């Protein structure tokens, strides 16, 4: 639902709003959907009995979280920082280093390009 600022994720159990991804499950016994924003350290949950209600609850929960952070003068937990540590075996590390040297670029750039090729 682009008009409401929400879109589906690549997984059928993900919903997205403002870069925050909610993982959704259905509780058949209770007859409700429930979800949790999964790409942050703080805990933000939402629930609903229909898909539309669930979408709105995700929006409301994220907006409540952002407002709460603003009231406290705190930065909200960002969905992704753009940084992560990857541990690889020494031989692969050497190969990445040598490729970067050969190309006259950084290890970060070589890894970034490899990830883009793999994931797009």
PDB file of N, CA and C in Angstrom:
ATOM      1  N   UNK A   1       0.814  -1.186   0.000  1.00  0.00           N
ATOM      2  CA  UNK A   1       0.000   0.000   0.000  1.00  0.00           C
ATOM      3  C   UNK A   1       0.852   1.241   0.000  1.00  0.00           C
ATOM      4  N   UNK A   2       1.349   1.624  -1.139  1.00  0.00           N
ATOM      5  CA  UNK A   2       2.276   2.732  -1.252  1.00  0.00           C
ATOM      6  C   UNK A   2       1.692   4.021  -0.719  1.00  0.00           C
ATOM      7  N   UNK A   3       0.416   4.246  -0.878  1.00  0.00           N
ATOM      8  CA  UNK A   3      -0.215   5.473  -0.418  1.00  0.00           C
ATOM      9  C   UNK A   3      -0.106   5.679   1.083  1.00  0.00           C
ATOM     10  N   UNK A   4      -0.028   4.628   1.823  1.00  0.00           N
ATOM     11  CA  UNK A   4       0.083   4.724   3.272  1.00  0.00           C
ATOM     12  C   UNK A   4       1.529   4.614   3.739  1.00  0.00           C
ATOM     13  N   UNK A   5       2.467   4.534   2.807  1.00  0.00           N
ATOM     14  CA  UNK A   5       3.872   4.480   3.175  1.00  0.00           C
ATOM     15  C   UNK A   5       4.315   3.113   3.636  1.00  0.00           C
ATOM     16  N   UNK A   6       3.620   2.099   3.219  1.00  0.00           N
ATOM     17  CA  UNK A   6       3.968   0.753   3.655  1.00  0.00           C
ATOM     18  C   UNK A   6       4.075  -0.132   2.436  1.00  0.00           C
ATOM     19  N   UNK A   7       5.016  -1.027   2.470  1.00  0.00           N
ATOM     20  CA  UNK A   7       5.165  -1.938   1.334  1.00  0.00           C
ATOM     21  C   UNK A   7       5.505  -3.318   1.848  1.00  0.00           C
ATOM     22  N   UNK A   8       5.282  -4.298   1.006  1.00  0.00           N
ATOM     23  CA  UNK A   8       5.603  -5.667   1.369  1.00  0.00           C
ATOM     24  C   UNK A   8       7.090  -5.907   1.251  1.00  0.00           C
ATOM     25  N   UNK A   9       7.625  -6.796   2.053  1.00  0.00           N
ATOM     26  CA  UNK A   9       9.026  -7.156   1.961  1.00  0.00           C
ATOM     27  C   UNK A   9       9.216  -8.272   0.962  1.00  0.00           C
ATOM     28  N   UNK A  10      10.463  -8.695   0.805  1.00  0.00           N
ATOM     29  CA  UNK A  10      10.728  -9.777  -0.130  1.00  0.00           C
ATOM     30  C   UNK A  10      10.224 -11.100   0.423  1.00  0.00           C
ATOM     31  N   UNK A  11      10.043 -11.189   1.716  1.00  0.00           N
ATOM     32  CA  UNK A  11       9.476 -12.380   2.326  1.00  0.00           C
ATOM     33  C   UNK A  11       7.988 -12.147   2.527  1.00  0.00           C
ATOM     34  N   UNK A  12       7.215 -13.189   2.399  1.00  0.00           N
ATOM     35  CA  UNK A  12       5.771 -13.012   2.550  1.00  0.00           C
ATOM     36  C   UNK A  12       5.363 -12.716   3.982  1.00  0.00           C
ATOM     37  N   UNK A  13       6.274 -12.828   4.953  1.00  0.00           N
ATOM     38  CA  UNK A  13       5.938 -12.547   6.341  1.00  0.00           C
ATOM     39  C   UNK A  13       6.490 -11.213   6.832  1.00  0.00           C
ATOM     40  N   UNK A  14       6.970 -10.353   5.923  1.00  0.00           N
ATOM     41  CA  UNK A  14       7.527  -9.064   6.322  1.00  0.00           C
ATOM     42  C   UNK A  14       6.656  -7.920   5.832  1.00  0.00           C
ATOM     43  N   UNK A  15       6.552  -6.899   6.689  1.00  0.00           N
ATOM     44  CA  UNK A  15       5.914  -5.642   6.321  1.00  0.00           C
ATOM     45  C   UNK A  15       6.948  -4.557   6.594  1.00  0.00           C
ATOM     46  N   UNK A  16       6.917  -3.465   5.816  1.00  0.00           N
ATOM     47  CA  UNK A  16       7.905  -2.407   5.968  1.00  0.00           C
ATOM     48  C   UNK A  16       7.234  -1.052   6.079  1.00  0.00           C
ATOM     49  N   UNK A  17       7.771  -0.229   6.963  1.00  0.00           N
ATOM     50  CA  UNK A  17       7.329   1.154   7.087  1.00  0.00           C
ATOM     51  C   UNK A  17       8.518   1.988   7.520  1.00  0.00           C
ATOM     52  N   UNK A  18       8.868   3.008   6.718  1.00  0.00           N
ATOM     53  CA  UNK A  18       9.980   3.918   6.995  1.00  0.00           C
ATOM     54  C   UNK A  18      11.293   3.186   7.246  1.00  0.00           C
ATOM     55  N   UNK A  19      11.494   2.065   6.565  1.00  0.00           N
ATOM     56  CA  UNK A  19      12.740   1.319   6.720  1.00  0.00           C
ATOM     57  C   UNK A  19      12.739   0.338   7.876  1.00  0.00           C
ATOM     58  N   UNK A  20      11.679   0.311   8.657  1.00  0.00           N
ATOM     59  CA  UNK A  20      11.549  -0.639   9.761  1.00  0.00           C
ATOM     60  C   UNK A  20      10.771  -1.843   9.238  1.00  0.00           C
ATOM     61  N   UNK A  21      11.314  -3.044   9.445  1.00  0.00           N
ATOM     62  CA  UNK A  21      10.692  -4.263   8.948  1.00  0.00           C
ATOM     63  C   UNK A  21      10.049  -5.029  10.092  1.00  0.00           C
ATOM     64  N   UNK A  22       8.764  -5.325   9.924  1.00  0.00           N
ATOM     65  CA  UNK A  22       8.038  -6.102  10.909  1.00  0.00           C
ATOM     66  C   UNK A  22       7.847  -7.526  10.423  1.00  0.00           C
ATOM     67  N   UNK A  23       8.252  -8.478  11.228  1.00  0.00           N
ATOM     68  CA  UNK A  23       8.018  -9.894  10.938  1.00  0.00           C
ATOM     69  C   UNK A  23       6.644 -10.251  11.499  1.00  0.00           C
ATOM     70  N   UNK A  24       5.810 -10.847  10.670  1.00  0.00           N
ATOM     71  CA  UNK A  24       4.421 -11.099  11.036  1.00  0.00           C
ATOM     72  C   UNK A  24       4.151 -12.595  11.127  1.00  0.00           C
ATOM     73  N   UNK A  25       3.411 -12.981  12.148  1.00  0.00           N
ATOM     74  CA  UNK A  25       2.959 -14.363  12.311  1.00  0.00           C
ATOM     75  C   UNK A  25       1.475 -14.346  12.619  1.00  0.00           C
ATOM     76  N   UNK A  26       0.829 -15.463  12.357  1.00  0.00           N
ATOM     77  CA  UNK A  26      -0.593 -15.587  12.659  1.00  0.00           C
ATOM     78  C   UNK A  26      -0.770 -16.586  13.782  1.00  0.00           C
ATOM     79  N   UNK A  27      -1.499 -16.186  14.816  1.00  0.00           N
ATOM     80  CA  UNK A  27      -1.835 -17.075  15.925  1.00  0.00           C
ATOM     81  C   UNK A  27      -3.239 -17.605  15.650  1.00  0.00           C
ATOM     82  N   UNK A  28      -3.312 -18.824  15.162  1.00  0.00           N
ATOM     83  CA  UNK A  28      -4.594 -19.414  14.778  1.00  0.00           C
ATOM     84  C   UNK A  28      -5.520 -19.581  15.977  1.00  0.00           C
ATOM     85  N   UNK A  29      -4.974 -19.944  17.129  1.00  0.00           N
ATOM     86  CA  UNK A  29      -5.808 -20.137  18.318  1.00  0.00           C
ATOM     87  C   UNK A  29      -6.479 -18.834  18.752  1.00  0.00           C
ATOM     88  N   UNK A  30      -5.730 -17.730  18.728  1.00  0.00           N
ATOM     89  CA  UNK A  30      -6.273 -16.443  19.161  1.00  0.00           C
ATOM     90  C   UNK A  30      -6.951 -15.699  18.012  1.00  0.00           C
ATOM     91  N   UNK A  31      -6.663 -16.104  16.775  1.00  0.00           N
ATOM     92  CA  UNK A  31      -7.258 -15.457  15.615  1.00  0.00           C
ATOM     93  C   UNK A  31      -6.707 -14.068  15.342  1.00  0.00           C
ATOM     94  N   UNK A  32      -5.432 -13.844  15.677  1.00  0.00           N
ATOM     95  CA  UNK A  32      -4.822 -12.526  15.453  1.00  0.00           C
ATOM     96  C   UNK A  32      -3.461 -12.670  14.788  1.00  0.00           C
ATOM     97  N   UNK A  33      -3.117 -11.630  14.044  1.00  0.00           N
ATOM     98  CA  UNK A  33      -1.754 -11.489  13.541  1.00  0.00           C
ATOM     99  C   UNK A  33      -0.962 -10.727  14.592  1.00  0.00           C
ATOM    100  N   UNK A  34       0.289 -11.073  14.753  1.00  0.00           N
ATOM    101  CA  UNK A  34       1.141 -10.276  15.629  1.00  0.00           C
ATOM    102  C   UNK A  34       2.500 -10.151  14.966  1.00  0.00           C
ATOM    103  N   UNK A  35       3.131  -9.036  15.233  1.00  0.00           N
ATOM    104  CA  UNK A  35       4.410  -8.791  14.605  1.00  0.00           C
ATOM    105  C   UNK A  35       5.357  -8.052  15.520  1.00  0.00           C
ATOM    106  N   UNK A  36       6.624  -8.066  15.122  1.00  0.00           N
ATOM    107  CA  UNK A  36       7.675  -7.362  15.844  1.00  0.00           C
ATOM    108  C   UNK A  36       8.628  -6.777  14.818  1.00  0.00           C
ATOM    109  N   UNK A  37       9.048  -5.527  15.056  1.00  0.00           N
ATOM    110  CA  UNK A  37      10.046  -4.914  14.186  1.00  0.00           C
ATOM    111  C   UNK A  37      11.366  -5.621  14.464  1.00  0.00           C
ATOM    112  N   UNK A  38      11.972  -6.158  13.404  1.00  0.00           N
ATOM    113  CA  UNK A  38      13.118  -7.051  13.588  1.00  0.00           C
ATOM    114  C   UNK A  38      14.473  -6.411  13.303  1.00  0.00           C
ATOM    115  N   UNK A  39      14.526  -5.243  12.703  1.00  0.00           N
ATOM    116  CA  UNK A  39      15.825  -4.686  12.344  1.00  0.00           C
ATOM    117  C   UNK A  39      16.227  -3.517  13.232  1.00  0.00           C
ATOM    118  N   UNK A  40      16.052  -3.720  14.529  1.00  0.00           N
ATOM    119  CA  UNK A  40      16.465  -2.729  15.523  1.00  0.00           C
ATOM    120  C   UNK A  40      16.645  -3.422  16.871  1.00  0.00           C
ATOM    121  N   UNK A  41      17.341  -2.735  17.774  1.00  0.00           N
ATOM    122  CA  UNK A  41      17.572  -3.316  19.105  1.00  0.00           C
ATOM    123  C   UNK A  41      16.391  -3.091  20.039  1.00  0.00           C
ATOM    124  N   UNK A  42      15.734  -1.940  19.932  1.00  0.00           N
ATOM    125  CA  UNK A  42      14.565  -1.677  20.766  1.00  0.00           C
ATOM    126  C   UNK A  42      13.433  -2.619  20.358  1.00  0.00           C
ATOM    127  N   UNK A  43      12.500  -2.825  21.277  1.00  0.00           N
ATOM    128  CA  UNK A  43      11.389  -3.742  21.004  1.00  0.00           C
ATOM    129  C   UNK A  43      10.151  -2.940  20.615  1.00  0.00           C
ATOM    130  N   UNK A  44       9.672  -3.181  19.394  1.00  0.00           N
ATOM    131  CA  UNK A  44       8.449  -2.550  18.897  1.00  0.00           C
ATOM    132  C   UNK A  44       7.581  -3.675  18.350  1.00  0.00           C
ATOM    133  N   UNK A  45       6.374  -3.803  18.910  1.00  0.00           N
ATOM    134  CA  UNK A  45       5.461  -4.869  18.491  1.00  0.00           C
ATOM    135  C   UNK A  45       4.153  -4.265  18.001  1.00  0.00           C
ATOM    136  N   UNK A  46       3.376  -5.080  17.317  1.00  0.00           N
ATOM    137  CA  UNK A  46       2.077  -4.649  16.812  1.00  0.00           C
ATOM    138  C   UNK A  46       1.223  -5.881  16.589  1.00  0.00           C
ATOM    139  N   UNK A  47      -0.104  -5.692  16.527  1.00  0.00           N
ATOM    140  CA  UNK A  47      -1.011  -6.817  16.307  1.00  0.00           C
ATOM    141  C   UNK A  47      -2.295  -6.328  15.679  1.00  0.00           C
ATOM    142  N   UNK A  48      -2.997  -7.250  15.026  1.00  0.00           N
ATOM    143  CA  UNK A  48      -4.258  -6.902  14.397  1.00  0.00           C
ATOM    144  C   UNK A  48      -5.015  -8.152  13.987  1.00  0.00           C
ATOM    145  N   UNK A  49      -6.305  -7.978  13.733  1.00  0.00           N
ATOM    146  CA  UNK A  49      -7.132  -9.119  13.342  1.00  0.00           C
ATOM    147  C   UNK A  49      -7.336  -9.202  11.836  1.00  0.00           C
ATOM    148  N   UNK A  50      -6.882  -8.189  11.111  1.00  0.00           N
ATOM    149  CA  UNK A  50      -6.958  -8.209   9.649  1.00  0.00           C
ATOM    150  C   UNK A  50      -5.656  -7.640   9.093  1.00  0.00           C
ATOM    151  N   UNK A  51      -5.427  -7.852   7.827  1.00  0.00           N
ATOM    152  CA  UNK A  51      -4.207  -7.335   7.203  1.00  0.00           C
ATOM    153  C   UNK A  51      -4.202  -5.813   7.273  1.00  0.00           C
ATOM    154  N   UNK A  52      -5.322  -5.190   6.969  1.00  0.00           N
ATOM    155  CA  UNK A  52      -5.391  -3.727   7.021  1.00  0.00           C
ATOM    156  C   UNK A  52      -5.125  -3.200   8.428  1.00  0.00           C
ATOM    157  N   UNK A  53      -5.722  -3.839   9.418  1.00  0.00           N
ATOM    158  CA  UNK A  53      -5.505  -3.421  10.802  1.00  0.00           C
ATOM    159  C   UNK A  53      -4.042  -3.624  11.182  1.00  0.00           C
ATOM    160  N   UNK A  54      -3.468  -4.717  10.758  1.00  0.00           N
ATOM    161  CA  UNK A  54      -2.067  -5.006  11.045  1.00  0.00           C
ATOM    162  C   UNK A  54      -1.157  -3.945  10.429  1.00  0.00           C
ATOM    163  N   UNK A  55      -1.421  -3.581   9.171  1.00  0.00           N
ATOM    164  CA  UNK A  55      -0.634  -2.529   8.515  1.00  0.00           C
ATOM    165  C   UNK A  55      -0.709  -1.226   9.296  1.00  0.00           C
ATOM    166  N   UNK A  56      -1.914  -0.847   9.681  1.00  0.00           N
ATOM    167  CA  UNK A  56      -2.079   0.399  10.423  1.00  0.00           C
ATOM    168  C   UNK A  56      -1.399   0.330  11.789  1.00  0.00           C
ATOM    169  N   UNK A  57      -1.455  -0.817  12.431  1.00  0.00           N
ATOM    170  CA  UNK A  57      -0.802  -0.978  13.734  1.00  0.00           C
ATOM    171  C   UNK A  57       0.719  -0.882  13.617  1.00  0.00           C
ATOM    172  N   UNK A  58       1.287  -1.403  12.531  1.00  0.00           N
ATOM    173  CA  UNK A  58       2.724  -1.246  12.306  1.00  0.00           C
ATOM    174  C   UNK A  58       3.059   0.233  12.168  1.00  0.00           C
ATOM    175  N   UNK A  59       2.297   0.943  11.343  1.00  0.00           N
ATOM    176  CA  UNK A  59       2.520   2.379  11.158  1.00  0.00           C
ATOM    177  C   UNK A  59       2.412   3.105  12.495  1.00  0.00           C
ATOM    178  N   UNK A  60       1.339   2.836  13.230  1.00  0.00           N
ATOM    179  CA  UNK A  60       1.117   3.500  14.514  1.00  0.00           C
ATOM    180  C   UNK A  60       2.233   3.180  15.509  1.00  0.00           C
ATOM    181  N   UNK A  61       2.682   1.932  15.543  1.00  0.00           N
ATOM    182  CA  UNK A  61       3.729   1.528  16.491  1.00  0.00           C
ATOM    183  C   UNK A  61       5.052   2.202  16.168  1.00  0.00           C
ATOM    184  N   UNK A  62       5.409   2.257  14.897  1.00  0.00           N
ATOM    185  CA  UNK A  62       6.658   2.926  14.512  1.00  0.00           C
ATOM    186  C   UNK A  62       6.560   4.418  14.814  1.00  0.00           C
ATOM    187  N   UNK A  63       5.429   5.040  14.468  1.00  0.00           N
ATOM    188  CA  UNK A  63       5.260   6.472  14.745  1.00  0.00           C
ATOM    189  C   UNK A  63       5.295   6.744  16.244  1.00  0.00           C
ATOM    190  N   UNK A  64       4.652   5.894  17.050  1.00  0.00           N
ATOM    191  CA  UNK A  64       4.705   6.036  18.511  1.00  0.00           C
ATOM    192  C   UNK A  64       6.142   5.932  19.009  1.00  0.00           C
ATOM    193  N   UNK A  65       6.883   4.983  18.476  1.00  0.00           N
ATOM    194  CA  UNK A  65       8.283   4.798  18.865  1.00  0.00           C
ATOM    195  C   UNK A  65       9.101   6.053  18.530  1.00  0.00           C
ATOM    196  N   UNK A  66       8.938   6.579  17.321  1.00  0.00           N
ATOM    197  CA  UNK A  66       9.691   7.762  16.904  1.00  0.00           C
ATOM    198  C   UNK A  66       9.318   8.974  17.764  1.00  0.00           C
ATOM    199  N   UNK A  67       8.037   9.117  18.080  1.00  0.00           N
ATOM    200  CA  UNK A  67       7.573  10.213  18.933  1.00  0.00           C
ATOM    201  C   UNK A  67       8.122  10.068  20.354  1.00  0.00           C
ATOM    202  N   UNK A  68       8.114   8.860  20.879  1.00  0.00           N
ATOM    203  CA  UNK A  68       8.645   8.586  22.219  1.00  0.00           C
ATOM    204  C   UNK A  68      10.121   8.980  22.290  1.00  0.00           C
ATOM    205  N   UNK A  69      10.892   8.592  21.266  1.00  0.00           N
ATOM    206  CA  UNK A  69      12.319   8.944  21.233  1.00  0.00           C
ATOM    207  C   UNK A  69      12.502  10.457  21.185  1.00  0.00           C
ATOM    208  N   UNK A  70      11.690  11.138  20.374  1.00  0.00           N
ATOM    209  CA  UNK A  70      11.786  12.589  20.252  1.00  0.00           C
ATOM    210  C   UNK A  70      11.473  13.269  21.585  1.00  0.00           C
ATOM    211  N   UNK A  71      10.450  12.797  22.277  1.00  0.00           N
ATOM    212  CA  UNK A  71      10.072  13.381  23.567  1.00  0.00           C
ATOM    213  C   UNK A  71      11.183  13.224  24.595  1.00  0.00           C
ATOM    214  N   UNK A  72      11.911  12.129  24.511  1.00  0.00           N
ATOM    215  CA  UNK A  72      13.008  11.865  25.459  1.00  0.00           C
ATOM    216  C   UNK A  72      14.327  12.489  24.998  1.00  0.00           C
ATOM    217  N   UNK A  73      14.328  13.062  23.802  1.00  0.00           N
ATOM    218  CA  UNK A  73      15.551  13.657  23.276  1.00  0.00           C
ATOM    219  C   UNK A  73      16.574  12.615  22.868  1.00  0.00           C
ATOM    220  N   UNK A  74      16.097  11.428  22.514  1.00  0.00           N
ATOM    221  CA  UNK A  74      16.992  10.332  22.133  1.00  0.00           C
ATOM    222  C   UNK A  74      16.880  10.073  20.640  1.00  0.00           C
ATOM    223  N   UNK A  75      17.972   9.629  20.049  1.00  0.00           N
ATOM    224  CA  UNK A  75      17.942   9.217  18.656  1.00  0.00           C
ATOM    225  C   UNK A  75      17.255   7.856  18.570  1.00  0.00           C
ATOM    226  N   UNK A  76      16.303   7.699  17.660  1.00  0.00           N
ATOM    227  CA  UNK A  76      15.692   6.369  17.499  1.00  0.00           C
ATOM    228  C   UNK A  76      16.703   5.382  16.935  1.00  0.00           C
ATOM    229  N   UNK A  77      16.514   4.149  17.275  1.00  0.00           N
ATOM    230  CA  UNK A  77      17.361   3.092  16.733  1.00  0.00           C
ATOM    231  C   UNK A  77      17.150   3.074  15.229  1.00  0.00           C
ATOM    232  N   UNK A  78      18.217   3.226  14.475  1.00  0.00           N
ATOM    233  CA  UNK A  78      18.111   3.236  13.018  1.00  0.00           C
ATOM    234  C   UNK A  78      18.004   1.806  12.524  1.00  0.00           C
ATOM    235  N   UNK A  79      17.183   1.590  11.485  1.00  0.00           N
ATOM    236  CA  UNK A  79      17.021   0.234  10.971  1.00  0.00           C
ATOM    237  C   UNK A  79      18.337  -0.417  10.535  1.00  0.00           C
ATOM    238  N   UNK A  80      19.171   0.293   9.803  1.00  0.00           N
ATOM    239  CA  UNK A  80      20.453  -0.259   9.366  1.00  0.00           C
ATOM    240  C   UNK A  80      21.479   0.853   9.371  1.00  0.00           C
ATOM    241  N   UNK A  81      22.639   0.576   9.910  1.00  0.00           N
ATOM    242  CA  UNK A  81      23.692   1.592   9.969  1.00  0.00           C
ATOM    243  C   UNK A  81      24.531   1.629   8.706  1.00  0.00           C
ATOM    244  N   UNK A  82      24.504   0.550   7.929  1.00  0.00           N
ATOM    245  CA  UNK A  82      25.368   0.481   6.759  1.00  0.00           C
ATOM    246  C   UNK A  82      26.714  -0.151   7.080  1.00  0.00           C
ATOM    247  N   UNK A  83      26.879  -0.584   8.323  1.00  0.00           N
ATOM    248  CA  UNK A  83      28.122  -1.221   8.736  1.00  0.00           C
ATOM    249  C   UNK A  83      27.821  -2.588   9.333  1.00  0.00           C
ATOM    250  N   UNK A  84      28.654  -3.567   8.992  1.00  0.00           N
ATOM    251  CA  UNK A  84      28.574  -4.856   9.657  1.00  0.00           C
ATOM    252  C   UNK A  84      29.930  -5.543   9.543  1.00  0.00           C
ATOM    253  N   UNK A  85      30.212  -6.410  10.475  1.00  0.00           N
ATOM    254  CA  UNK A  85      31.478  -7.130  10.502  1.00  0.00           C
ATOM    255  C   UNK A  85      31.260  -8.508   9.894  1.00  0.00           C
ATOM    256  N   UNK A  86      32.133  -8.874   8.992  1.00  0.00           N
ATOM    257  CA  UNK A  86      32.060 -10.186   8.367  1.00  0.00           C
ATOM    258  C   UNK A  86      33.381 -10.896   8.645  1.00  0.00           C
ATOM    259  N   UNK A  87      33.301 -12.068   9.205  1.00  0.00           N
ATOM    260  CA  UNK A  87      34.507 -12.852   9.457  1.00  0.00           C
ATOM    261  C   UNK A  87      34.651 -13.873   8.332  1.00  0.00           C
ATOM    262  N   UNK A  88      35.843 -13.901   7.755  1.00  0.00           N
ATOM    263  CA  UNK A  88      36.136 -14.829   6.663  1.00  0.00           C
ATOM    264  C   UNK A  88      37.449 -15.527   6.959  1.00  0.00           C
ATOM    265  N   UNK A  89      37.686 -16.627   6.261  1.00  0.00           N
ATOM    266  CA  UNK A  89      38.949 -17.328   6.446  1.00  0.00           C
ATOM    267  C   UNK A  89      40.087 -16.471   5.878  1.00  0.00           C
ATOM    268  N   UNK A  90      41.294 -16.623   6.434  1.00  0.00           N
ATOM    269  CA  UNK A  90      42.435 -15.797   6.028  1.00  0.00           C
ATOM    270  C   UNK A  90      42.706 -15.819   4.518  1.00  0.00           C
ATOM    271  N   UNK A  91      42.540 -16.945   3.856  1.00  0.00           N
ATOM    272  CA  UNK A  91      42.817 -17.015   2.423  1.00  0.00           C
ATOM    273  C   UNK A  91      41.854 -16.124   1.628  1.00  0.00           C
ATOM    274  N   UNK A  92      40.586 -16.102   2.005  1.00  0.00           N
ATOM    275  CA  UNK A  92      39.624 -15.234   1.327  1.00  0.00           C
ATOM    276  C   UNK A  92      39.951 -13.766   1.604  1.00  0.00           C
ATOM    277  N   UNK A  93      40.331 -13.456   2.816  1.00  0.00           N
ATOM    278  CA  UNK A  93      40.737 -12.095   3.181  1.00  0.00           C
ATOM    279  C   UNK A  93      41.906 -11.650   2.292  1.00  0.00           C
ATOM    280  N   UNK A  94      42.875 -12.537   2.102  1.00  0.00           N
ATOM    281  CA  UNK A  94      44.033 -12.234   1.260  1.00  0.00           C
ATOM    282  C   UNK A  94      43.594 -11.964  -0.172  1.00  0.00           C
ATOM    283  N   UNK A  95      42.673 -12.793  -0.695  1.00  0.00           N
ATOM    284  CA  UNK A  95      42.197 -12.614  -2.070  1.00  0.00           C
ATOM    285  C   UNK A  95      41.465 -11.284  -2.251  1.00  0.00           C
ATOM    286  N   UNK A  96      40.653 -10.916  -1.273  1.00  0.00           N
ATOM    287  CA  UNK A  96      39.937  -9.646  -1.353  1.00  0.00           C
ATOM    288  C   UNK A  96      40.942  -8.483  -1.319  1.00  0.00           C
ATOM    289  N   UNK A  97      41.911  -8.586  -0.445  1.00  0.00           N
ATOM    290  CA  UNK A  97      42.938  -7.553  -0.343  1.00  0.00           C
ATOM    291  C   UNK A  97      43.688  -7.402  -1.668  1.00  0.00           C
ATOM    292  N   UNK A  98      44.100  -8.523  -2.245  1.00  0.00           N
ATOM    293  CA  UNK A  98      44.840  -8.477  -3.508  1.00  0.00           C
ATOM    294  C   UNK A  98      43.986  -7.913  -4.641  1.00  0.00           C
ATOM    295  N   UNK A  99      42.712  -8.270  -4.688  1.00  0.00           N
ATOM    296  CA  UNK A  99      41.816  -7.719  -5.711  1.00  0.00           C
ATOM    297  C   UNK A  99      41.709  -6.205  -5.552  1.00  0.00           C
ATOM    298  N   UNK A 100      41.552  -5.757  -4.321  1.00  0.00           N
ATOM    299  CA  UNK A 100      41.456  -4.309  -4.073  1.00  0.00           C
ATOM    300  C   UNK A 100      42.729  -3.597  -4.516  1.00  0.00           C
ATOM    301  N   UNK A 101      43.869  -4.172  -4.204  1.00  0.00           N
ATOM    302  CA  UNK A 101      45.151  -3.574  -4.618  1.00  0.00           C
ATOM    303  C   UNK A 101      45.242  -3.509  -6.139  1.00  0.00           C
ATOM    304  N   UNK A 102      44.878  -4.614  -6.776  1.00  0.00           N
ATOM    305  CA  UNK A 102      44.935  -4.687  -8.239  1.00  0.00           C
ATOM    306  C   UNK A 102      44.032  -3.644  -8.888  1.00  0.00           C
ATOM    307  N   UNK A 103      42.869  -3.404  -8.290  1.00  0.00           N
ATOM    308  CA  UNK A 103      41.902  -2.447  -8.826  1.00  0.00           C
ATOM    309  C   UNK A 103      42.162  -1.013  -8.364  1.00  0.00           C
ATOM    310  N   UNK A 104      43.082  -0.866  -7.424  1.00  0.00           N
ATOM    311  CA  UNK A 104      43.373   0.473  -6.903  1.00  0.00           C
ATOM    312  C   UNK A 104      42.229   1.042  -6.078  1.00  0.00           C
ATOM    313  N   UNK A 105      41.569   0.168  -5.345  1.00  0.00           N
ATOM    314  CA  UNK A 105      40.423   0.583  -4.540  1.00  0.00           C
ATOM    315  C   UNK A 105      40.555  -0.006  -3.139  1.00  0.00           C
ATOM    316  N   UNK A 106      39.493   0.078  -2.362  1.00  0.00           N
ATOM    317  CA  UNK A 106      39.517  -0.432  -0.984  1.00  0.00           C
ATOM    318  C   UNK A 106      38.880  -1.814  -0.889  1.00  0.00           C
ATOM    319  N   UNK A 107      39.192  -2.491   0.189  1.00  0.00           N
ATOM    320  CA  UNK A 107      38.536  -3.777   0.477  1.00  0.00           C
ATOM    321  C   UNK A 107      37.025  -3.563   0.576  1.00  0.00           C
ATOM    322  N   UNK A 108      36.601  -2.472   1.242  1.00  0.00           N
ATOM    323  CA  UNK A 108      35.163  -2.186   1.366  1.00  0.00           C
ATOM    324  C   UNK A 108      34.492  -2.104   0.006  1.00  0.00           C
ATOM    325  N   UNK A 109      35.143  -1.434  -0.953  1.00  0.00           N
ATOM    326  CA  UNK A 109      34.549  -1.291  -2.280  1.00  0.00           C
ATOM    327  C   UNK A 109      34.440  -2.643  -2.985  1.00  0.00           C
ATOM    328  N   UNK A 110      35.454  -3.482  -2.870  1.00  0.00           N
ATOM    329  CA  UNK A 110      35.416  -4.812  -3.485  1.00  0.00           C
ATOM    330  C   UNK A 110      34.274  -5.634  -2.899  1.00  0.00           C
ATOM    331  N   UNK A 111      34.136  -5.612  -1.580  1.00  0.00           N
ATOM    332  CA  UNK A 111      33.064  -6.377  -0.918  1.00  0.00           C
ATOM    333  C   UNK A 111      31.702  -5.804  -1.283  1.00  0.00           C
ATOM    334  N   UNK A 112      31.569  -4.469  -1.292  1.00  0.00           N
ATOM    335  CA  UNK A 112      30.310  -3.827  -1.674  1.00  0.00           C
ATOM    336  C   UNK A 112      29.870  -4.261  -3.069  1.00  0.00           C
ATOM    337  N   UNK A 113      30.797  -4.238  -4.019  1.00  0.00           N
ATOM    338  CA  UNK A 113      30.464  -4.632  -5.394  1.00  0.00           C
ATOM    339  C   UNK A 113      30.099  -6.111  -5.479  1.00  0.00           C
ATOM    340  N   UNK A 114      30.802  -6.956  -4.736  1.00  0.00           N
ATOM    341  CA  UNK A 114      30.491  -8.389  -4.732  1.00  0.00           C
ATOM    342  C   UNK A 114      29.086  -8.629  -4.161  1.00  0.00           C
ATOM    343  N   UNK A 115      28.735  -7.914  -3.100  1.00  0.00           N
ATOM    344  CA  UNK A 115      27.400  -8.057  -2.514  1.00  0.00           C
ATOM    345  C   UNK A 115      26.330  -7.555  -3.478  1.00  0.00           C
ATOM    346  N   UNK A 116      26.585  -6.438  -4.143  1.00  0.00           N
ATOM    347  CA  UNK A 116      25.614  -5.922  -5.112  1.00  0.00           C
ATOM    348  C   UNK A 116      25.376  -6.932  -6.234  1.00  0.00           C
ATOM    349  N   UNK A 117      26.463  -7.506  -6.757  1.00  0.00           N
ATOM    350  CA  UNK A 117      26.320  -8.507  -7.837  1.00  0.00           C
ATOM    351  C   UNK A 117      25.518  -9.710  -7.351  1.00  0.00           C
ATOM    352  N   UNK A 118      25.774 -10.143  -6.161  1.00  0.00           N
ATOM    353  CA  UNK A 118      25.111 -11.328  -5.630  1.00  0.00           C
ATOM    354  C   UNK A 118      23.642 -11.077  -5.308  1.00  0.00           C
ATOM    355  N   UNK A 119      23.312  -9.880  -4.834  1.00  0.00           N
ATOM    356  CA  UNK A 119      21.982  -9.635  -4.306  1.00  0.00           C
ATOM    357  C   UNK A 119      21.053  -8.857  -5.231  1.00  0.00           C
ATOM    358  N   UNK A 120      21.544  -8.443  -6.397  1.00  0.00           N
ATOM    359  CA  UNK A 120      20.647  -7.709  -7.310  1.00  0.00           C
ATOM    360  C   UNK A 120      20.479  -8.449  -8.615  1.00  0.00           C
TER     361      UNK A 120
END
